[in-house]
């Protein structure tokens, strides 16, 4: 799957040119001299990151430190709304497919709570960042067991679900569809602006929800801004709300 954006890919570190070449081949992009005036996938000493004009600092994913580490330690465990929404309770740790992985933050939380989770991300650049983060985190003794419960695949979610066999169907499918960006882009965090830039407008969330409801063994959970309409006017069986977020639950 080739990105639909102008992209440079390369490395400033001679010892990492081999990995940059491998990624260029995988993404079907010609390895090139890095150009700060365009979107860049850069292999540094430690991480694979995206640099883009107007986004400030580079963007990469880190499951070991930063926001993901804080949420792992202080996120509220199985009592948090996300955990309740997917049906986590004593004696119940469902298998999950996250069909809109994004930066895999919710996926990491669910894996931390014990759920085996498959992350599906259709944008190949974001999928590359996730794969790089998983590879690095495997080396950390504190979270290696969490990472072992996470897998990433770069695919269109509807296509992925339609190609599952009966044994591969998950108990829960989790969706966090792209929500229209606010007009004042300064209010939107830079990583979310990048997601909007790479993914483009969301045109298939209704189809994805319908496919998910036909695939999940127990439930589909859709994450929405608290005041947002239901996806495709499909009314859920129930919803769980937090301060700014609503989880719509469709029982199957």
C-alpha atoms as a PDB file:
ATOM      1  CA  UNK A   1       0.000   0.000   0.000  1.00  0.00           C
ATOM      2  CA  UNK A   2       1.679   3.214  -1.130  1.00  0.00           C
ATOM      3  CA  UNK A   3       1.188   6.500   0.780  1.00  0.00           C
ATOM      4  CA  UNK A   4      -0.860   9.057  -1.121  1.00  0.00           C
ATOM      5  CA  UNK A   5       1.450  11.902  -0.076  1.00  0.00           C
ATOM      6  CA  UNK A   6       4.779  13.288  -1.280  1.00  0.00           C
ATOM      7  CA  UNK A   7       7.358  11.604   0.922  1.00  0.00           C
ATOM      8  CA  UNK A   8      11.092  11.516   1.486  1.00  0.00           C
ATOM      9  CA  UNK A   9      12.656   8.555   3.302  1.00  0.00           C
ATOM     10  CA  UNK A  10      16.200   8.173   4.526  1.00  0.00           C
ATOM     11  CA  UNK A  11      18.606   8.272   7.434  1.00  0.00           C
ATOM     12  CA  UNK A  12      21.177  10.731   8.741  1.00  0.00           C
ATOM     13  CA  UNK A  13      22.970   7.851  10.479  1.00  0.00           C
ATOM     14  CA  UNK A  14      25.235   5.754   8.227  1.00  0.00           C
ATOM     15  CA  UNK A  15      24.736   2.653  10.359  1.00  0.00           C
ATOM     16  CA  UNK A  16      20.968   2.788   9.830  1.00  0.00           C
ATOM     17  CA  UNK A  17      20.906   3.117   6.042  1.00  0.00           C
ATOM     18  CA  UNK A  18      20.179  -0.610   5.735  1.00  0.00           C
ATOM     19  CA  UNK A  19      16.941  -0.246   7.717  1.00  0.00           C
ATOM     20  CA  UNK A  20      16.018   2.862   5.716  1.00  0.00           C
ATOM     21  CA  UNK A  21      16.521   0.852   2.514  1.00  0.00           C
ATOM     22  CA  UNK A  22      14.347  -1.975   3.837  1.00  0.00           C
ATOM     23  CA  UNK A  23      11.546   0.450   4.713  1.00  0.00           C
ATOM     24  CA  UNK A  24      11.824   2.176   1.335  1.00  0.00           C
ATOM     25  CA  UNK A  25      11.425  -1.188  -0.403  1.00  0.00           C
ATOM     26  CA  UNK A  26       8.523  -2.209   1.822  1.00  0.00           C
ATOM     27  CA  UNK A  27       6.712   1.097   1.304  1.00  0.00           C
ATOM     28  CA  UNK A  28       7.587   1.225  -2.404  1.00  0.00           C
ATOM     29  CA  UNK A  29       9.307   4.587  -2.023  1.00  0.00           C
ATOM     30  CA  UNK A  30      12.679   5.582  -3.484  1.00  0.00           C
ATOM     31  CA  UNK A  31      15.333   6.265  -0.865  1.00  0.00           C
ATOM     32  CA  UNK A  32      16.253   9.910  -1.206  1.00  0.00           C
ATOM     33  CA  UNK A  33      18.123  12.808   0.338  1.00  0.00           C
ATOM     34  CA  UNK A  34      16.064  14.142   3.221  1.00  0.00           C
ATOM     35  CA  UNK A  35      14.238  17.374   2.470  1.00  0.00           C
ATOM     36  CA  UNK A  36      12.829  19.408   5.387  1.00  0.00           C
ATOM     37  CA  UNK A  37      10.316  21.036   3.034  1.00  0.00           C
ATOM     38  CA  UNK A  38       8.336  17.809   2.638  1.00  0.00           C
ATOM     39  CA  UNK A  39       7.014  14.929   4.691  1.00  0.00           C
ATOM     40  CA  UNK A  40       9.875  12.681   5.775  1.00  0.00           C
ATOM     41  CA  UNK A  41      10.173   9.205   7.269  1.00  0.00           C
ATOM     42  CA  UNK A  42      13.523   9.314   9.053  1.00  0.00           C
ATOM     43  CA  UNK A  43      15.513   6.476  10.588  1.00  0.00           C
ATOM     44  CA  UNK A  44      17.509   7.950  13.487  1.00  0.00           C
ATOM     45  CA  UNK A  45      19.937   6.291  15.911  1.00  0.00           C
ATOM     46  CA  UNK A  46      17.074   5.091  18.088  1.00  0.00           C
ATOM     47  CA  UNK A  47      13.697   5.431  16.395  1.00  0.00           C
ATOM     48  CA  UNK A  48      11.806   5.682  13.137  1.00  0.00           C
ATOM     49  CA  UNK A  49      10.038   9.033  13.096  1.00  0.00           C
ATOM     50  CA  UNK A  50       7.958  11.272  10.877  1.00  0.00           C
ATOM     51  CA  UNK A  51       8.974  14.862  10.249  1.00  0.00           C
ATOM     52  CA  UNK A  52       6.602  17.235   8.530  1.00  0.00           C
ATOM     53  CA  UNK A  53       6.652  20.972   7.755  1.00  0.00           C
ATOM     54  CA  UNK A  54       4.708  22.956  10.337  1.00  0.00           C
ATOM     55  CA  UNK A  55       4.454  20.162  12.905  1.00  0.00           C
ATOM     56  CA  UNK A  56       7.414  21.144  15.060  1.00  0.00           C
ATOM     57  CA  UNK A  57       9.210  18.242  16.729  1.00  0.00           C
ATOM     58  CA  UNK A  58       9.352  14.856  14.980  1.00  0.00           C
ATOM     59  CA  UNK A  59       6.627  12.323  15.775  1.00  0.00           C
ATOM     60  CA  UNK A  60       7.389   8.771  16.837  1.00  0.00           C
ATOM     61  CA  UNK A  61       5.734   6.220  19.119  1.00  0.00           C
ATOM     62  CA  UNK A  62       7.180   5.188  22.475  1.00  0.00           C
ATOM     63  CA  UNK A  63       5.518   2.529  24.626  1.00  0.00           C
ATOM     64  CA  UNK A  64       8.301   2.557  27.238  1.00  0.00           C
ATOM     65  CA  UNK A  65       8.232   6.201  28.366  1.00  0.00           C
ATOM     66  CA  UNK A  66       6.148   9.362  28.095  1.00  0.00           C
ATOM     67  CA  UNK A  67       2.358   9.427  27.908  1.00  0.00           C
ATOM     68  CA  UNK A  68       1.985   5.706  27.327  1.00  0.00           C
ATOM     69  CA  UNK A  69       4.034   4.893  30.429  1.00  0.00           C
ATOM     70  CA  UNK A  70       2.029   7.383  32.503  1.00  0.00           C
ATOM     71  CA  UNK A  71      -1.285   5.951  31.349  1.00  0.00           C
ATOM     72  CA  UNK A  72      -0.065   2.410  32.036  1.00  0.00           C
ATOM     73  CA  UNK A  73       0.837   3.328  35.606  1.00  0.00           C
ATOM     74  CA  UNK A  74      -1.970   5.739  36.475  1.00  0.00           C
ATOM     75  CA  UNK A  75      -4.773   5.076  33.980  1.00  0.00           C
ATOM     76  CA  UNK A  76      -7.183   3.448  36.398  1.00  0.00           C
ATOM     77  CA  UNK A  77      -6.791  -0.242  35.577  1.00  0.00           C
ATOM     78  CA  UNK A  78      -9.898  -2.274  34.851  1.00  0.00           C
ATOM     79  CA  UNK A  79     -12.072   0.396  36.420  1.00  0.00           C
ATOM     80  CA  UNK A  80     -11.476   2.936  33.634  1.00  0.00           C
ATOM     81  CA  UNK A  81     -14.270   3.553  31.094  1.00  0.00           C
ATOM     82  CA  UNK A  82     -12.355   1.975  28.190  1.00  0.00           C
ATOM     83  CA  UNK A  83     -11.909  -1.277  30.116  1.00  0.00           C
ATOM     84  CA  UNK A  84     -15.565  -1.374  31.102  1.00  0.00           C
ATOM     85  CA  UNK A  85     -16.628  -0.660  27.532  1.00  0.00           C
ATOM     86  CA  UNK A  86     -14.797  -3.672  26.071  1.00  0.00           C
ATOM     87  CA  UNK A  87     -16.203  -5.925  28.805  1.00  0.00           C
ATOM     88  CA  UNK A  88     -13.133  -6.438  30.964  1.00  0.00           C
ATOM     89  CA  UNK A  89     -14.109  -7.944  34.301  1.00  0.00           C
ATOM     90  CA  UNK A  90     -13.065 -10.719  36.650  1.00  0.00           C
ATOM     91  CA  UNK A  91     -12.714 -13.877  34.617  1.00  0.00           C
ATOM     92  CA  UNK A  92     -13.216 -12.068  31.299  1.00  0.00           C
ATOM     93  CA  UNK A  93     -10.260 -10.823  29.239  1.00  0.00           C
ATOM     94  CA  UNK A  94     -11.520 -10.649  25.649  1.00  0.00           C
ATOM     95  CA  UNK A  95      -9.591 -10.953  22.417  1.00  0.00           C
ATOM     96  CA  UNK A  96      -9.722  -7.633  20.572  1.00  0.00           C
ATOM     97  CA  UNK A  97      -9.123  -6.241  17.114  1.00  0.00           C
ATOM     98  CA  UNK A  98      -8.546  -2.476  17.057  1.00  0.00           C
ATOM     99  CA  UNK A  99      -9.515  -1.612  13.482  1.00  0.00           C
ATOM    100  CA  UNK A 100      -8.409   2.044  13.663  1.00  0.00           C
ATOM    101  CA  UNK A 101      -5.094   1.735  15.486  1.00  0.00           C
ATOM    102  CA  UNK A 102      -3.817   5.285  14.980  1.00  0.00           C
ATOM    103  CA  UNK A 103      -0.906   5.744  17.381  1.00  0.00           C
ATOM    104  CA  UNK A 104      -1.973   2.589  19.303  1.00  0.00           C
ATOM    105  CA  UNK A 105      -2.524   4.342  22.622  1.00  0.00           C
ATOM    106  CA  UNK A 106      -5.796   2.618  23.474  1.00  0.00           C
ATOM    107  CA  UNK A 107      -4.427  -0.637  22.079  1.00  0.00           C
ATOM    108  CA  UNK A 108      -1.482  -0.424  24.471  1.00  0.00           C
ATOM    109  CA  UNK A 109      -3.827   0.220  27.408  1.00  0.00           C
ATOM    110  CA  UNK A 110      -5.917  -2.837  26.538  1.00  0.00           C
ATOM    111  CA  UNK A 111      -2.821  -5.020  26.129  1.00  0.00           C
ATOM    112  CA  UNK A 112      -1.588  -3.755  29.496  1.00  0.00           C
ATOM    113  CA  UNK A 113      -4.876  -4.931  31.007  1.00  0.00           C
ATOM    114  CA  UNK A 114      -4.264  -8.425  29.641  1.00  0.00           C
ATOM    115  CA  UNK A 115      -6.092  -8.452  26.303  1.00  0.00           C
ATOM    116  CA  UNK A 116      -4.530 -10.033  23.224  1.00  0.00           C
ATOM    117  CA  UNK A 117      -4.995  -7.325  20.595  1.00  0.00           C
ATOM    118  CA  UNK A 118      -4.491  -7.045  16.855  1.00  0.00           C
ATOM    119  CA  UNK A 119      -3.890  -3.503  15.646  1.00  0.00           C
ATOM    120  CA  UNK A 120      -5.075  -2.722  12.121  1.00  0.00           C
ATOM    121  CA  UNK A 121      -3.780   0.525  10.606  1.00  0.00           C
ATOM    122  CA  UNK A 122      -4.335   1.278   6.937  1.00  0.00           C
ATOM    123  CA  UNK A 123      -1.826   4.108   6.627  1.00  0.00           C
ATOM    124  CA  UNK A 124       1.556   2.478   5.990  1.00  0.00           C
ATOM    125  CA  UNK A 125       3.561   5.282   7.622  1.00  0.00           C
ATOM    126  CA  UNK A 126       1.667   5.100  10.915  1.00  0.00           C
ATOM    127  CA  UNK A 127       1.836   1.284  10.801  1.00  0.00           C
ATOM    128  CA  UNK A 128       5.606   1.611  10.374  1.00  0.00           C
ATOM    129  CA  UNK A 129       5.848   3.807  13.490  1.00  0.00           C
ATOM    130  CA  UNK A 130       3.838   1.256  15.491  1.00  0.00           C
ATOM    131  CA  UNK A 131       5.980  -1.637  14.288  1.00  0.00           C
ATOM    132  CA  UNK A 132       9.156   0.250  15.200  1.00  0.00           C
ATOM    133  CA  UNK A 133       7.784   1.061  18.674  1.00  0.00           C
ATOM    134  CA  UNK A 134       6.809  -2.573  19.274  1.00  0.00           C
ATOM    135  CA  UNK A 135      10.262  -3.775  18.219  1.00  0.00           C
ATOM    136  CA  UNK A 136      11.981  -1.362  20.602  1.00  0.00           C
ATOM    137  CA  UNK A 137       9.615  -2.102  23.502  1.00  0.00           C
ATOM    138  CA  UNK A 138      10.236  -5.843  23.243  1.00  0.00           C
ATOM    139  CA  UNK A 139      13.680  -5.153  24.695  1.00  0.00           C
ATOM    140  CA  UNK A 140      12.276  -3.561  27.862  1.00  0.00           C
ATOM    141  CA  UNK A 141      11.809  -6.101  30.661  1.00  0.00           C
ATOM    142  CA  UNK A 142       9.054  -4.073  32.342  1.00  0.00           C
ATOM    143  CA  UNK A 143       6.657  -4.212  29.403  1.00  0.00           C
ATOM    144  CA  UNK A 144       7.853  -7.067  27.190  1.00  0.00           C
ATOM    145  CA  UNK A 145       4.899  -9.219  28.308  1.00  0.00           C
ATOM    146  CA  UNK A 146       2.477  -6.423  27.350  1.00  0.00           C
ATOM    147  CA  UNK A 147       4.073  -6.036  23.927  1.00  0.00           C
ATOM    148  CA  UNK A 148       3.829  -9.802  23.361  1.00  0.00           C
ATOM    149  CA  UNK A 149       0.032  -9.387  23.337  1.00  0.00           C
ATOM    150  CA  UNK A 150       0.146  -6.780  20.530  1.00  0.00           C
ATOM    151  CA  UNK A 151       0.451  -7.362  16.790  1.00  0.00           C
ATOM    152  CA  UNK A 152       0.265  -4.806  13.980  1.00  0.00           C
ATOM    153  CA  UNK A 153      -0.973  -5.250  10.427  1.00  0.00           C
ATOM    154  CA  UNK A 154      -1.095  -2.647   7.648  1.00  0.00           C
ATOM    155  CA  UNK A 155      -4.400  -3.197   5.873  1.00  0.00           C
ATOM    156  CA  UNK A 156      -7.757  -1.647   5.145  1.00  0.00           C
ATOM    157  CA  UNK A 157      -9.922  -2.626   8.118  1.00  0.00           C
ATOM    158  CA  UNK A 158     -12.993  -3.697   6.126  1.00  0.00           C
ATOM    159  CA  UNK A 159     -10.811  -5.854   3.905  1.00  0.00           C
ATOM    160  CA  UNK A 160      -9.029  -7.320   6.940  1.00  0.00           C
ATOM    161  CA  UNK A 161     -12.283  -8.245   8.706  1.00  0.00           C
ATOM    162  CA  UNK A 162     -13.823  -9.706   5.567  1.00  0.00           C
ATOM    163  CA  UNK A 163     -10.857 -12.067   5.201  1.00  0.00           C
ATOM    164  CA  UNK A 164     -10.931 -13.504   8.738  1.00  0.00           C
ATOM    165  CA  UNK A 165     -11.888 -17.145   9.089  1.00  0.00           C
ATOM    166  CA  UNK A 166     -14.245 -18.338  11.832  1.00  0.00           C
ATOM    167  CA  UNK A 167     -11.403 -19.146  14.251  1.00  0.00           C
ATOM    168  CA  UNK A 168      -9.912 -15.664  13.831  1.00  0.00           C
ATOM    169  CA  UNK A 169     -13.039 -13.726  14.757  1.00  0.00           C
ATOM    170  CA  UNK A 170     -12.406 -11.684  17.930  1.00  0.00           C
ATOM    171  CA  UNK A 171     -14.725 -11.311  20.885  1.00  0.00           C
ATOM    172  CA  UNK A 172     -14.500  -7.508  20.637  1.00  0.00           C
ATOM    173  CA  UNK A 173     -13.836  -5.071  17.817  1.00  0.00           C
ATOM    174  CA  UNK A 174     -12.761  -1.571  18.841  1.00  0.00           C
ATOM    175  CA  UNK A 175     -13.171   1.512  16.629  1.00  0.00           C
ATOM    176  CA  UNK A 176     -12.032   5.097  17.060  1.00  0.00           C
ATOM    177  CA  UNK A 177     -13.098   6.717  13.765  1.00  0.00           C
ATOM    178  CA  UNK A 178     -11.483   9.916  12.598  1.00  0.00           C
ATOM    179  CA  UNK A 179     -13.565  12.869  13.741  1.00  0.00           C
ATOM    180  CA  UNK A 180     -13.672  16.039  11.596  1.00  0.00           C
ATOM    181  CA  UNK A 181     -10.838  18.367  12.551  1.00  0.00           C
ATOM    182  CA  UNK A 182     -11.760  21.552  14.359  1.00  0.00           C
ATOM    183  CA  UNK A 183     -11.422  24.781  12.391  1.00  0.00           C
ATOM    184  CA  UNK A 184      -8.829  26.227  14.773  1.00  0.00           C
ATOM    185  CA  UNK A 185      -6.049  23.774  14.018  1.00  0.00           C
ATOM    186  CA  UNK A 186      -3.890  25.226  16.804  1.00  0.00           C
ATOM    187  CA  UNK A 187      -6.273  23.557  19.228  1.00  0.00           C
ATOM    188  CA  UNK A 188      -5.585  20.150  17.721  1.00  0.00           C
ATOM    189  CA  UNK A 189      -2.471  18.333  18.901  1.00  0.00           C
ATOM    190  CA  UNK A 190       0.211  17.978  16.262  1.00  0.00           C
ATOM    191  CA  UNK A 191       0.021  14.173  16.162  1.00  0.00           C
ATOM    192  CA  UNK A 192      -3.710  14.360  15.483  1.00  0.00           C
ATOM    193  CA  UNK A 193      -3.086  16.917  12.731  1.00  0.00           C
ATOM    194  CA  UNK A 194      -0.611  14.484  11.208  1.00  0.00           C
ATOM    195  CA  UNK A 195      -3.173  11.676  11.350  1.00  0.00           C
ATOM    196  CA  UNK A 196      -5.682  13.882   9.534  1.00  0.00           C
ATOM    197  CA  UNK A 197      -3.041  14.824   6.963  1.00  0.00           C
ATOM    198  CA  UNK A 198      -2.101  11.198   6.266  1.00  0.00           C
ATOM    199  CA  UNK A 199      -5.506   9.555   6.521  1.00  0.00           C
ATOM    200  CA  UNK A 200      -7.604  12.174   4.763  1.00  0.00           C
ATOM    201  CA  UNK A 201     -11.344  12.475   5.422  1.00  0.00           C
ATOM    202  CA  UNK A 202     -13.184   9.578   7.036  1.00  0.00           C
ATOM    203  CA  UNK A 203     -15.602   8.233   4.457  1.00  0.00           C
ATOM    204  CA  UNK A 204     -16.162   4.618   5.490  1.00  0.00           C
ATOM    205  CA  UNK A 205     -16.805   4.466   9.244  1.00  0.00           C
ATOM    206  CA  UNK A 206     -20.439   3.465   8.693  1.00  0.00           C
ATOM    207  CA  UNK A 207     -19.389   0.574   6.455  1.00  0.00           C
ATOM    208  CA  UNK A 208     -16.692  -0.398   8.943  1.00  0.00           C
ATOM    209  CA  UNK A 209     -19.176  -0.453  11.823  1.00  0.00           C
ATOM    210  CA  UNK A 210     -21.581  -2.641   9.852  1.00  0.00           C
ATOM    211  CA  UNK A 211     -18.770  -5.064   8.956  1.00  0.00           C
ATOM    212  CA  UNK A 212     -17.511  -5.083  12.546  1.00  0.00           C
ATOM    213  CA  UNK A 213     -20.976  -5.892  13.906  1.00  0.00           C
ATOM    214  CA  UNK A 214     -21.133  -8.856  11.552  1.00  0.00           C
ATOM    215  CA  UNK A 215     -17.688 -10.062  12.652  1.00  0.00           C
ATOM    216  CA  UNK A 216     -17.297  -9.576  16.422  1.00  0.00           C
ATOM    217  CA  UNK A 217     -18.398 -12.486  18.573  1.00  0.00           C
ATOM    218  CA  UNK A 218     -19.585 -10.379  21.518  1.00  0.00           C
ATOM    219  CA  UNK A 219     -19.489  -6.619  20.945  1.00  0.00           C
ATOM    220  CA  UNK A 220     -18.259  -3.666  18.959  1.00  0.00           C
ATOM    221  CA  UNK A 221     -17.096  -0.583  20.852  1.00  0.00           C
ATOM    222  CA  UNK A 222     -16.974   2.798  19.084  1.00  0.00           C
ATOM    223  CA  UNK A 223     -15.107   5.666  20.726  1.00  0.00           C
ATOM    224  CA  UNK A 224     -16.647   9.073  20.047  1.00  0.00           C
ATOM    225  CA  UNK A 225     -16.384  12.649  21.288  1.00  0.00           C
ATOM    226  CA  UNK A 226     -19.049  13.002  23.964  1.00  0.00           C
ATOM    227  CA  UNK A 227     -21.393  15.162  21.864  1.00  0.00           C
ATOM    228  CA  UNK A 228     -20.833  13.406  18.520  1.00  0.00           C
ATOM    229  CA  UNK A 229     -23.680  11.635  16.707  1.00  0.00           C
ATOM    230  CA  UNK A 230     -23.780   7.854  16.482  1.00  0.00           C
ATOM    231  CA  UNK A 231     -21.821   6.465  13.543  1.00  0.00           C
ATOM    232  CA  UNK A 232     -24.178   6.064  10.604  1.00  0.00           C
ATOM    233  CA  UNK A 233     -27.172   6.718  12.890  1.00  0.00           C
ATOM    234  CA  UNK A 234     -26.714   3.169  14.212  1.00  0.00           C
ATOM    235  CA  UNK A 235     -28.011   3.324  17.783  1.00  0.00           C
ATOM    236  CA  UNK A 236     -25.916   1.357  20.291  1.00  0.00           C
ATOM    237  CA  UNK A 237     -27.284  -0.970  22.957  1.00  0.00           C
ATOM    238  CA  UNK A 238     -25.701   1.257  25.607  1.00  0.00           C
ATOM    239  CA  UNK A 239     -22.947   3.814  26.086  1.00  0.00           C
ATOM    240  CA  UNK A 240     -20.319   4.547  28.729  1.00  0.00           C
ATOM    241  CA  UNK A 241     -19.240   8.159  29.178  1.00  0.00           C
ATOM    242  CA  UNK A 242     -16.165   9.820  30.597  1.00  0.00           C
ATOM    243  CA  UNK A 243     -15.371  13.526  30.825  1.00  0.00           C
ATOM    244  CA  UNK A 244     -14.926  14.188  27.093  1.00  0.00           C
ATOM    245  CA  UNK A 245     -15.481  10.777  25.531  1.00  0.00           C
ATOM    246  CA  UNK A 246     -18.315   8.355  24.890  1.00  0.00           C
ATOM    247  CA  UNK A 247     -17.989   4.627  24.198  1.00  0.00           C
ATOM    248  CA  UNK A 248     -20.937   3.306  22.175  1.00  0.00           C
ATOM    249  CA  UNK A 249     -21.435  -0.435  22.682  1.00  0.00           C
ATOM    250  CA  UNK A 250     -23.085  -2.634  20.056  1.00  0.00           C
ATOM    251  CA  UNK A 251     -23.807  -6.146  21.334  1.00  0.00           C
ATOM    252  CA  UNK A 252     -23.613  -8.922  18.771  1.00  0.00           C
END
